[in-house]
């Protein structure tokens, strides 16, 4: 397992190698999907009591950093 952000980890044997939160079986993608669906940070923390608010913030930061490094020129909208 390696840390790719302060709270985001990647382990090829966990969740098919997708980025997860602190090596737990919860992907960054799942947290972002909850937020996109309108759930609040408080909703997510209530559903996943092992999470901390800083974990959710780390997911947002991770997504932002990855988008900043993407090249969207020439891609269909």
Protein backbone atom coordinates (compact mmCIF):
# COMPACT_ATOMS: atom_id res chain seq x y z
CA UNK A 1 0.00 0.00 0.00
CA UNK A 2 1.28 3.46 -0.79
CA UNK A 3 0.05 6.87 0.19
CA UNK A 4 -0.59 9.16 -2.77
CA UNK A 5 -1.97 11.91 -0.57
CA UNK A 6 -1.96 12.39 3.18
CA UNK A 7 -5.11 10.24 3.60
CA UNK A 8 -5.48 8.62 0.19
CA UNK A 9 -3.94 5.20 -0.41
CA UNK A 10 -3.56 2.79 -3.30
CA UNK A 11 -3.21 -0.93 -2.78
CA UNK A 12 -3.47 -3.24 -5.80
CA UNK A 13 -5.12 -5.85 -3.55
CA UNK A 14 -7.80 -3.48 -2.23
CA UNK A 15 -10.82 -2.29 -4.25
CA UNK A 16 -9.12 -3.27 -7.53
CA UNK A 17 -6.33 -0.77 -6.93
CA UNK A 18 -8.63 2.25 -6.85
CA UNK A 19 -7.67 5.09 -4.50
CA UNK A 20 -9.14 4.49 -1.05
CA UNK A 21 -9.26 6.38 2.21
CA UNK A 22 -6.53 5.39 4.67
CA UNK A 23 -6.39 1.84 3.35
CA UNK A 24 -10.03 1.20 4.21
CA UNK A 25 -12.52 -0.43 1.86
CA UNK A 26 -14.07 2.87 0.84
CA UNK A 27 -12.99 4.47 -2.42
CA UNK A 28 -12.45 8.13 -3.09
CA UNK A 29 -14.88 7.73 -5.97
CA UNK A 30 -17.65 6.55 -3.64
CA UNK A 31 -17.25 9.59 -1.39
CA UNK A 32 -17.23 11.94 -4.39
CA UNK A 33 -20.37 10.28 -5.78
CA UNK A 34 -22.18 10.84 -2.48
CA UNK A 35 -21.20 14.51 -2.54
CA UNK A 36 -22.25 14.83 -6.19
CA UNK A 37 -25.63 13.31 -5.31
CA UNK A 38 -26.19 16.06 -2.76
CA UNK A 39 -25.15 14.34 0.45
CA UNK A 40 -23.46 16.58 2.98
CA UNK A 41 -20.22 15.83 4.76
CA UNK A 42 -22.31 15.20 7.86
CA UNK A 43 -24.46 12.68 5.96
CA UNK A 44 -21.35 10.80 4.85
CA UNK A 45 -19.82 10.81 8.33
CA UNK A 46 -23.07 9.48 9.76
CA UNK A 47 -23.16 6.67 7.19
CA UNK A 48 -19.47 5.85 7.66
CA UNK A 49 -18.58 6.53 11.31
CA UNK A 50 -14.98 5.42 10.78
CA UNK A 51 -14.43 8.46 8.53
CA UNK A 52 -13.31 11.89 9.64
CA UNK A 53 -14.21 15.21 8.04
CA UNK A 54 -10.56 15.49 6.96
CA UNK A 55 -10.99 12.29 4.92
CA UNK A 56 -13.80 13.86 2.89
CA UNK A 57 -11.73 17.01 2.38
CA UNK A 58 -8.82 14.83 1.24
CA UNK A 59 -11.08 13.25 -1.39
CA UNK A 60 -12.01 16.66 -2.74
CA UNK A 61 -8.39 17.80 -2.74
CA UNK A 62 -7.32 14.59 -4.48
CA UNK A 63 -9.96 15.05 -7.19
CA UNK A 64 -9.01 18.69 -7.69
CA UNK A 65 -5.32 17.85 -8.02
CA UNK A 66 -6.04 15.13 -10.55
CA UNK A 67 -8.27 17.36 -12.64
CA UNK A 68 -5.58 20.02 -12.67
CA UNK A 69 -3.23 17.54 -14.34
CA UNK A 70 -5.66 16.35 -17.03
CA UNK A 71 -5.48 17.47 -20.64
CA UNK A 72 -9.00 18.03 -21.95
CA UNK A 73 -7.99 19.67 -25.25
CA UNK A 74 -9.32 17.75 -28.20
CA UNK A 75 -11.75 15.66 -26.18
CA UNK A 76 -15.42 15.64 -27.14
CA UNK A 77 -17.75 17.27 -24.66
